[in-house]
N, C-alpha and C. Protein backbone atom coordinates (compact mmCIF):
# COMPACT_ATOMS: atom_id res chain seq x y z
N UNK A 1 -28.52 -69.49 -140.33
CA UNK A 1 -28.25 -70.44 -139.24
C UNK A 1 -28.21 -69.88 -137.96
N UNK A 2 -29.12 -70.45 -136.98
CA UNK A 2 -29.00 -69.81 -135.65
C UNK A 2 -27.65 -69.85 -135.18
N UNK A 3 -27.41 -68.59 -134.33
CA UNK A 3 -25.98 -68.44 -133.77
C UNK A 3 -25.55 -69.56 -132.88
N UNK A 4 -26.38 -70.40 -132.24
CA UNK A 4 -25.89 -71.26 -131.34
C UNK A 4 -25.40 -72.69 -132.20
N UNK A 5 -25.67 -72.73 -133.42
CA UNK A 5 -25.34 -73.73 -134.40
C UNK A 5 -24.54 -73.25 -135.41
N UNK A 6 -23.75 -72.09 -135.28
CA UNK A 6 -22.83 -71.84 -136.02
C UNK A 6 -21.67 -72.90 -136.16
N UNK A 7 -21.07 -72.92 -137.38
CA UNK A 7 -19.90 -73.91 -137.65
C UNK A 7 -18.93 -73.17 -138.23
N UNK A 8 -17.65 -73.51 -137.92
CA UNK A 8 -16.57 -73.05 -138.55
C UNK A 8 -16.55 -73.72 -139.89
N UNK A 9 -16.79 -73.11 -141.21
CA UNK A 9 -16.71 -73.70 -142.28
C UNK A 9 -15.62 -74.47 -142.81
N UNK A 10 -14.42 -74.10 -142.19
CA UNK A 10 -13.05 -74.66 -142.66
C UNK A 10 -12.89 -76.16 -142.11
N UNK A 11 -13.39 -76.01 -140.88
CA UNK A 11 -13.03 -77.33 -139.94
C UNK A 11 -14.33 -77.94 -139.83
N UNK A 12 -15.64 -77.38 -140.04
CA UNK A 12 -16.73 -78.06 -139.76
C UNK A 12 -17.06 -78.31 -138.28
N UNK A 13 -16.41 -77.71 -137.57
CA UNK A 13 -16.51 -77.75 -136.01
C UNK A 13 -17.68 -76.89 -135.35
N UNK A 14 -18.20 -76.94 -134.36
CA UNK A 14 -19.11 -75.99 -133.88
C UNK A 14 -18.47 -74.91 -133.14
N UNK A 15 -18.79 -73.63 -133.33
CA UNK A 15 -18.21 -72.45 -132.72
C UNK A 15 -19.22 -72.20 -131.43
N UNK A 16 -18.37 -71.94 -130.35
CA UNK A 16 -19.01 -71.34 -129.17
C UNK A 16 -19.91 -69.95 -129.40
N UNK A 17 -21.00 -69.85 -128.54
CA UNK A 17 -21.48 -68.63 -128.79
C UNK A 17 -20.54 -67.41 -128.14
N UNK A 18 -20.62 -66.28 -128.70
CA UNK A 18 -19.84 -65.07 -128.13
C UNK A 18 -20.39 -64.42 -126.91
N UNK A 19 -19.64 -63.78 -126.27
CA UNK A 19 -20.00 -63.12 -125.10
C UNK A 19 -21.49 -62.40 -125.15
N UNK A 20 -21.55 -61.46 -126.26
CA UNK A 20 -22.78 -60.80 -126.45
C UNK A 20 -24.28 -61.76 -126.56
N UNK A 21 -23.87 -62.87 -127.31
CA UNK A 21 -25.04 -63.85 -127.43
C UNK A 21 -25.32 -64.62 -126.10
N UNK A 22 -24.38 -64.88 -125.40
CA UNK A 22 -24.59 -65.39 -124.15
C UNK A 22 -25.29 -64.42 -123.18
N UNK A 23 -24.83 -63.27 -123.13
CA UNK A 23 -25.57 -62.36 -122.20
C UNK A 23 -26.83 -61.86 -122.64
N UNK A 24 -27.17 -61.82 -124.13
CA UNK A 24 -28.40 -61.68 -124.65
C UNK A 24 -29.35 -62.84 -124.09
N UNK A 25 -29.09 -63.95 -124.46
CA UNK A 25 -29.76 -65.14 -124.25
C UNK A 25 -30.10 -65.31 -122.59
N UNK A 26 -29.15 -64.91 -121.92
CA UNK A 26 -29.42 -65.04 -120.40
C UNK A 26 -30.58 -64.01 -120.07
N UNK A 27 -30.62 -62.95 -120.54
CA UNK A 27 -31.60 -61.81 -120.24
C UNK A 27 -32.90 -62.33 -120.75
N UNK A 28 -32.95 -63.06 -121.83
CA UNK A 28 -34.34 -63.34 -122.36
C UNK A 28 -34.85 -64.74 -121.94
N UNK A 29 -34.18 -65.53 -121.05
CA UNK A 29 -34.60 -66.83 -120.91
C UNK A 29 -36.02 -66.70 -119.91
N UNK A 30 -36.83 -67.70 -120.20
CA UNK A 30 -37.99 -67.61 -119.27
C UNK A 30 -37.86 -67.36 -117.69
N UNK A 31 -38.61 -66.64 -117.09
CA UNK A 31 -38.44 -66.77 -115.67
C UNK A 31 -38.14 -67.96 -114.89
N UNK A 32 -38.94 -68.87 -115.47
CA UNK A 32 -38.75 -70.21 -114.65
C UNK A 32 -37.35 -70.74 -114.59
N UNK A 33 -36.50 -70.44 -115.51
CA UNK A 33 -35.11 -70.84 -115.56
C UNK A 33 -34.28 -69.85 -114.76
N UNK A 34 -34.65 -68.90 -114.16
CA UNK A 34 -33.68 -68.09 -113.58
C UNK A 34 -33.69 -68.66 -112.04
N UNK A 35 -32.32 -68.31 -111.50
CA UNK A 35 -32.16 -68.81 -110.16
C UNK A 35 -31.48 -67.67 -109.58
N UNK A 36 -31.40 -67.64 -108.12
CA UNK A 36 -30.59 -66.64 -107.60
C UNK A 36 -29.00 -66.70 -108.10
N UNK A 37 -28.54 -67.92 -108.21
CA UNK A 37 -27.24 -68.21 -108.56
C UNK A 37 -26.85 -67.50 -110.05
N UNK A 38 -27.81 -67.63 -111.02
CA UNK A 38 -27.75 -67.19 -112.35
C UNK A 38 -27.66 -65.66 -112.22
N UNK A 39 -28.40 -65.04 -111.36
CA UNK A 39 -28.43 -63.45 -111.26
C UNK A 39 -27.10 -63.17 -110.74
N UNK A 40 -26.75 -63.71 -109.50
CA UNK A 40 -25.40 -63.49 -109.03
C UNK A 40 -24.24 -63.51 -109.86
N UNK A 41 -24.31 -64.54 -110.84
CA UNK A 41 -23.30 -64.92 -111.78
C UNK A 41 -23.00 -63.69 -112.94
N UNK A 42 -24.34 -63.32 -113.36
CA UNK A 42 -24.31 -62.27 -114.39
C UNK A 42 -23.76 -60.87 -113.73
N UNK A 43 -24.23 -60.73 -112.56
CA UNK A 43 -23.73 -59.60 -111.77
C UNK A 43 -22.29 -59.48 -111.76
N UNK A 44 -21.84 -60.45 -111.27
CA UNK A 44 -20.41 -60.80 -111.06
C UNK A 44 -19.43 -60.73 -112.27
N UNK A 45 -19.98 -61.11 -113.32
CA UNK A 45 -19.43 -61.04 -114.58
C UNK A 45 -19.06 -59.59 -114.99
N UNK A 46 -20.33 -58.76 -114.85
CA UNK A 46 -20.22 -57.44 -115.21
C UNK A 46 -19.17 -56.59 -114.18
N UNK A 47 -19.34 -56.90 -113.02
CA UNK A 47 -18.22 -56.38 -112.08
C UNK A 47 -16.93 -56.59 -112.52
N UNK A 48 -16.53 -57.92 -112.92
CA UNK A 48 -15.27 -58.26 -113.28
C UNK A 48 -14.75 -57.35 -114.72
N UNK A 49 -15.86 -57.43 -115.48
CA UNK A 49 -15.56 -56.42 -116.68
C UNK A 49 -15.44 -55.08 -116.37
N UNK A 50 -15.98 -54.61 -115.73
CA UNK A 50 -15.90 -53.10 -115.26
C UNK A 50 -14.41 -52.86 -114.68
N UNK A 51 -14.20 -53.78 -113.86
CA UNK A 51 -12.77 -53.72 -113.07
C UNK A 51 -11.60 -53.93 -114.14
N UNK A 52 -11.76 -54.82 -115.09
CA UNK A 52 -10.62 -55.08 -116.33
C UNK A 52 -10.54 -53.83 -117.00
N UNK A 53 -11.76 -53.26 -117.28
CA UNK A 53 -11.83 -51.88 -118.17
C UNK A 53 -11.08 -50.91 -117.55
N UNK A 54 -11.36 -50.79 -116.11
CA UNK A 54 -10.76 -49.62 -115.22
C UNK A 54 -9.30 -49.88 -115.09
N UNK A 55 -8.76 -51.15 -115.19
CA UNK A 55 -7.40 -51.50 -115.00
C UNK A 55 -6.65 -51.12 -116.42
N UNK A 56 -7.38 -51.41 -117.63
CA UNK A 56 -6.82 -50.99 -118.74
C UNK A 56 -6.51 -49.44 -118.82
N UNK A 57 -7.47 -48.82 -118.48
CA UNK A 57 -7.45 -47.42 -118.49
C UNK A 57 -6.05 -46.88 -117.77
N UNK A 58 -6.11 -47.49 -116.45
CA UNK A 58 -4.80 -47.26 -115.60
C UNK A 58 -3.53 -47.58 -116.14
N UNK A 59 -3.43 -48.81 -116.79
CA UNK A 59 -2.27 -49.14 -117.41
C UNK A 59 -1.94 -48.36 -118.63
N UNK A 60 -2.92 -48.01 -119.46
CA UNK A 60 -2.70 -46.94 -120.30
C UNK A 60 -2.10 -45.54 -119.98
N UNK A 61 -2.53 -45.27 -118.71
CA UNK A 61 -2.00 -43.98 -118.20
C UNK A 61 -0.62 -44.13 -117.83
N UNK A 62 -0.05 -45.14 -117.31
CA UNK A 62 1.12 -45.46 -116.94
C UNK A 62 2.13 -45.42 -118.22
N UNK A 63 1.37 -46.33 -119.49
CA UNK A 63 2.38 -46.32 -120.61
C UNK A 63 2.33 -44.97 -121.24
N UNK A 64 1.37 -44.21 -121.21
CA UNK A 64 1.53 -42.78 -121.70
C UNK A 64 2.47 -41.98 -121.13
N UNK A 65 2.54 -42.37 -119.71
CA UNK A 65 3.44 -41.38 -118.89
C UNK A 65 4.85 -41.80 -119.01
N UNK A 66 5.08 -43.14 -119.13
CA UNK A 66 6.42 -43.73 -118.85
C UNK A 66 7.15 -44.11 -120.44
N UNK A 67 6.30 -44.22 -121.50
CA UNK A 67 6.86 -44.48 -122.82
C UNK A 67 6.67 -43.51 -123.63
N UNK A 68 7.70 -43.65 -124.62
CA UNK A 68 7.44 -42.76 -125.73
C UNK A 68 6.90 -43.48 -126.89
N UNK A 69 5.58 -43.90 -126.78
CA UNK A 69 5.12 -44.72 -127.84
C UNK A 69 3.64 -44.29 -128.05
N UNK A 70 3.13 -44.54 -129.27
CA UNK A 70 1.60 -44.34 -129.68
C UNK A 70 0.73 -45.54 -129.44
N UNK A 71 1.42 -46.47 -129.01
CA UNK A 71 0.61 -47.73 -128.78
C UNK A 71 -0.46 -47.46 -127.81
N UNK A 72 -1.70 -48.08 -128.00
CA UNK A 72 -2.87 -47.95 -127.36
C UNK A 72 -3.31 -49.30 -126.86
N UNK A 73 -3.53 -49.50 -125.75
CA UNK A 73 -4.27 -50.80 -125.16
C UNK A 73 -5.77 -50.89 -125.62
N UNK A 74 -6.14 -52.16 -125.89
CA UNK A 74 -7.67 -52.18 -126.39
C UNK A 74 -8.43 -51.59 -125.46
N UNK A 75 -9.49 -51.03 -125.81
CA UNK A 75 -10.40 -50.41 -124.84
C UNK A 75 -11.69 -51.39 -124.74
N UNK A 76 -12.25 -51.60 -123.48
CA UNK A 76 -13.31 -52.75 -123.29
C UNK A 76 -14.63 -52.01 -123.05
N UNK A 77 -14.89 -50.95 -123.67
CA UNK A 77 -16.19 -50.22 -123.21
C UNK A 77 -16.24 -49.91 -121.90
N UNK A 78 -15.35 -49.22 -121.43
CA UNK A 78 -15.22 -48.63 -120.10
C UNK A 78 -16.44 -47.68 -119.61
N UNK A 79 -16.96 -47.08 -120.60
CA UNK A 79 -18.13 -46.20 -120.22
C UNK A 79 -19.57 -46.89 -120.03
N UNK A 80 -19.51 -48.31 -120.64
CA UNK A 80 -20.66 -49.20 -120.55
C UNK A 80 -20.99 -49.57 -119.15
N UNK A 81 -22.06 -49.13 -118.59
CA UNK A 81 -22.27 -49.60 -117.20
C UNK A 81 -23.50 -50.35 -117.09
N UNK A 82 -23.73 -51.56 -116.49
CA UNK A 82 -24.75 -52.38 -116.39
C UNK A 82 -25.31 -52.38 -114.93
N UNK A 83 -26.41 -52.51 -114.95
CA UNK A 83 -27.27 -52.45 -113.73
C UNK A 83 -28.14 -53.62 -113.62
N UNK A 84 -27.81 -54.69 -112.72
CA UNK A 84 -28.77 -55.87 -112.54
C UNK A 84 -29.93 -55.49 -111.57
N UNK A 85 -30.94 -55.71 -112.03
CA UNK A 85 -32.13 -55.36 -111.16
C UNK A 85 -32.93 -56.80 -110.93
N UNK A 86 -33.06 -57.22 -109.83
CA UNK A 86 -33.76 -58.38 -109.46
C UNK A 86 -35.20 -58.01 -108.97
N UNK A 87 -36.12 -58.57 -109.86
CA UNK A 87 -37.69 -58.44 -109.50
C UNK A 87 -38.00 -59.81 -108.91
N UNK A 88 -38.18 -59.97 -107.60
CA UNK A 88 -38.40 -61.10 -106.92
C UNK A 88 -39.79 -61.17 -106.11
N UNK A 89 -40.61 -62.14 -106.27
CA UNK A 89 -41.83 -62.22 -105.57
C UNK A 89 -41.51 -62.32 -104.10
N UNK A 90 -40.45 -62.77 -103.58
CA UNK A 90 -39.92 -62.79 -102.24
C UNK A 90 -39.98 -61.63 -101.62
N UNK A 91 -39.75 -60.38 -102.43
CA UNK A 91 -39.82 -59.12 -101.88
C UNK A 91 -41.09 -58.50 -101.95
N UNK A 92 -42.04 -59.08 -102.08
CA UNK A 92 -43.57 -58.69 -101.78
C UNK A 92 -43.68 -58.52 -100.37
N UNK A 93 -43.96 -57.34 -99.88
CA UNK A 93 -44.24 -57.07 -98.43
C UNK A 93 -45.42 -57.78 -97.78
N UNK A 94 -46.50 -57.85 -98.38
CA UNK A 94 -47.76 -58.62 -97.88
C UNK A 94 -47.69 -59.97 -97.85
N UNK A 95 -47.67 -60.79 -96.92
CA UNK A 95 -47.37 -62.21 -97.13
C UNK A 95 -48.59 -62.99 -97.77
N UNK A 96 -49.73 -62.60 -97.69
CA UNK A 96 -50.76 -63.20 -98.47
C UNK A 96 -50.65 -62.85 -99.92
N UNK A 97 -50.31 -61.78 -100.32
CA UNK A 97 -50.05 -61.42 -101.72
C UNK A 97 -48.79 -62.20 -102.21
N UNK A 98 -47.66 -62.26 -101.45
CA UNK A 98 -46.53 -62.79 -101.82
C UNK A 98 -46.63 -64.38 -102.04
N UNK A 99 -47.49 -64.98 -101.14
CA UNK A 99 -47.86 -66.41 -101.26
C UNK A 99 -48.60 -66.73 -102.49
N UNK A 100 -49.47 -65.79 -102.83
CA UNK A 100 -50.24 -66.01 -104.05
C UNK A 100 -49.40 -65.96 -105.38
N UNK A 101 -48.57 -64.92 -105.40
CA UNK A 101 -47.57 -64.83 -106.46
C UNK A 101 -46.76 -66.08 -106.45
N UNK A 102 -46.16 -66.30 -105.50
CA UNK A 102 -45.14 -67.61 -105.50
C UNK A 102 -45.80 -68.90 -105.83
N UNK A 103 -47.15 -69.00 -105.65
CA UNK A 103 -48.00 -70.26 -106.17
C UNK A 103 -48.63 -70.11 -107.42
N UNK A 104 -48.33 -69.17 -108.28
CA UNK A 104 -49.03 -69.15 -109.52
C UNK A 104 -48.45 -70.06 -110.44
N UNK A 105 -49.54 -70.55 -111.30
CA UNK A 105 -49.13 -71.74 -112.30
C UNK A 105 -48.00 -71.33 -113.24
N UNK A 106 -47.56 -72.08 -114.10
CA UNK A 106 -46.50 -71.68 -115.18
C UNK A 106 -47.08 -70.57 -116.08
N UNK A 107 -46.25 -69.84 -116.87
CA UNK A 107 -46.67 -68.75 -117.68
C UNK A 107 -47.83 -69.28 -118.86
N UNK A 108 -47.62 -70.58 -119.12
CA UNK A 108 -48.54 -71.20 -120.10
C UNK A 108 -50.03 -71.30 -119.63
N UNK A 109 -50.29 -71.11 -118.28
CA UNK A 109 -51.44 -71.57 -117.58
C UNK A 109 -52.01 -70.43 -117.09
N UNK A 110 -51.52 -69.20 -117.25
CA UNK A 110 -52.08 -67.97 -116.47
C UNK A 110 -53.37 -67.40 -117.18
N UNK A 111 -54.32 -66.90 -116.49
CA UNK A 111 -55.29 -66.40 -116.95
C UNK A 111 -55.24 -64.86 -117.24
N UNK A 112 -55.98 -64.21 -117.94
CA UNK A 112 -55.77 -62.76 -118.42
C UNK A 112 -55.63 -61.88 -117.01
N UNK A 113 -56.35 -62.09 -116.03
CA UNK A 113 -56.37 -61.29 -114.79
C UNK A 113 -55.13 -61.38 -113.96
N UNK A 114 -54.75 -62.91 -114.11
CA UNK A 114 -53.30 -63.14 -113.61
C UNK A 114 -52.20 -62.54 -114.16
N UNK A 115 -52.30 -62.35 -115.51
CA UNK A 115 -51.12 -61.68 -116.42
C UNK A 115 -51.26 -60.35 -115.84
N UNK A 116 -52.52 -59.75 -116.04
CA UNK A 116 -52.41 -58.31 -115.49
C UNK A 116 -51.90 -57.96 -114.15
N UNK A 117 -52.26 -58.97 -113.41
CA UNK A 117 -51.72 -58.74 -111.96
C UNK A 117 -50.24 -58.81 -111.80
N UNK A 118 -49.64 -59.80 -112.64
CA UNK A 118 -48.31 -60.09 -112.69
C UNK A 118 -47.50 -58.79 -113.25
N UNK A 119 -47.94 -58.12 -114.11
CA UNK A 119 -47.45 -56.92 -114.80
C UNK A 119 -47.48 -55.82 -113.64
N UNK A 120 -48.63 -55.68 -113.08
CA UNK A 120 -48.66 -54.65 -111.98
C UNK A 120 -47.90 -54.91 -110.87
N UNK A 121 -47.67 -56.02 -110.35
CA UNK A 121 -46.79 -56.26 -109.21
C UNK A 121 -45.45 -56.27 -109.61
N UNK A 122 -45.18 -56.55 -110.81
CA UNK A 122 -43.71 -56.29 -111.48
C UNK A 122 -43.11 -54.74 -111.29
N UNK A 123 -44.28 -53.94 -111.73
CA UNK A 123 -43.92 -52.62 -111.65
C UNK A 123 -43.63 -52.02 -110.20
N UNK A 124 -44.60 -52.58 -109.48
CA UNK A 124 -44.38 -52.15 -107.94
C UNK A 124 -43.01 -52.85 -107.35
N UNK A 125 -42.74 -53.94 -107.67
CA UNK A 125 -41.59 -54.23 -107.10
C UNK A 125 -40.22 -53.55 -107.73
N UNK A 126 -40.48 -53.30 -109.07
CA UNK A 126 -39.36 -52.56 -109.55
C UNK A 126 -39.24 -51.15 -109.11
N UNK A 127 -40.34 -50.44 -108.67
CA UNK A 127 -40.14 -49.05 -107.93
C UNK A 127 -39.54 -49.30 -106.72
N UNK A 128 -39.77 -50.43 -105.92
CA UNK A 128 -39.16 -50.70 -104.62
C UNK A 128 -37.67 -51.09 -104.77
N UNK A 129 -37.13 -51.38 -105.83
CA UNK A 129 -35.90 -51.93 -105.90
C UNK A 129 -34.91 -50.76 -105.74
N UNK A 130 -33.91 -51.01 -104.85
CA UNK A 130 -32.66 -50.06 -104.58
C UNK A 130 -31.94 -49.81 -105.89
N UNK A 131 -31.73 -50.95 -106.66
CA UNK A 131 -30.87 -50.97 -107.82
C UNK A 131 -31.57 -50.07 -108.82
N UNK A 132 -33.03 -50.29 -108.96
CA UNK A 132 -33.54 -49.45 -110.09
C UNK A 132 -33.53 -48.14 -109.74
N UNK A 133 -33.86 -48.03 -108.52
CA UNK A 133 -33.87 -46.15 -108.00
C UNK A 133 -32.43 -45.71 -108.28
N UNK A 134 -31.48 -46.30 -107.91
CA UNK A 134 -30.26 -45.97 -108.20
C UNK A 134 -29.91 -45.73 -109.64
N UNK A 135 -30.42 -46.53 -110.38
CA UNK A 135 -30.27 -46.36 -111.80
C UNK A 135 -31.03 -45.12 -112.41
N UNK A 136 -32.37 -45.06 -111.89
CA UNK A 136 -33.01 -43.78 -112.31
C UNK A 136 -32.27 -42.47 -111.91
N UNK A 137 -31.73 -42.51 -110.74
CA UNK A 137 -30.89 -41.37 -110.32
C UNK A 137 -29.64 -41.02 -111.17
N UNK A 138 -29.04 -42.15 -111.57
CA UNK A 138 -27.76 -41.94 -112.29
C UNK A 138 -28.01 -41.55 -113.83
N UNK A 139 -29.32 -41.86 -114.00
CA UNK A 139 -29.79 -41.39 -115.59
C UNK A 139 -30.26 -40.01 -115.72
N UNK A 140 -30.64 -39.40 -114.54
CA UNK A 140 -31.12 -38.12 -114.43
C UNK A 140 -30.16 -37.20 -114.65
């Protein structure tokens, strides 16, 4: 059964997708469905998650110092770091090239040369991305 149609078998009610399913679906949705707001929302969700994970580590340090207990707060994957990299045709420097890409038809009507050019410009935009270059530096 697809995850979005999962049902609680005991009550026969629909179960909402979990956070991992939502994050995965958000990253694989067609580019036509992305908006500035959705990219910002995902970025903010990860920032909040990182702050929460850091707070838990800080609270655990206080508990360890102040209490005589072996109790451990749940860890939220504080070592997991997400980088949101936006590849946007608006960032193409050449105005003629930018307009050509902004006016391409939907993915269902692209010719092979258009697909090849899209792949190429995607790589160019990625290399120009500050977030991408920061990620490359962090991974080295």
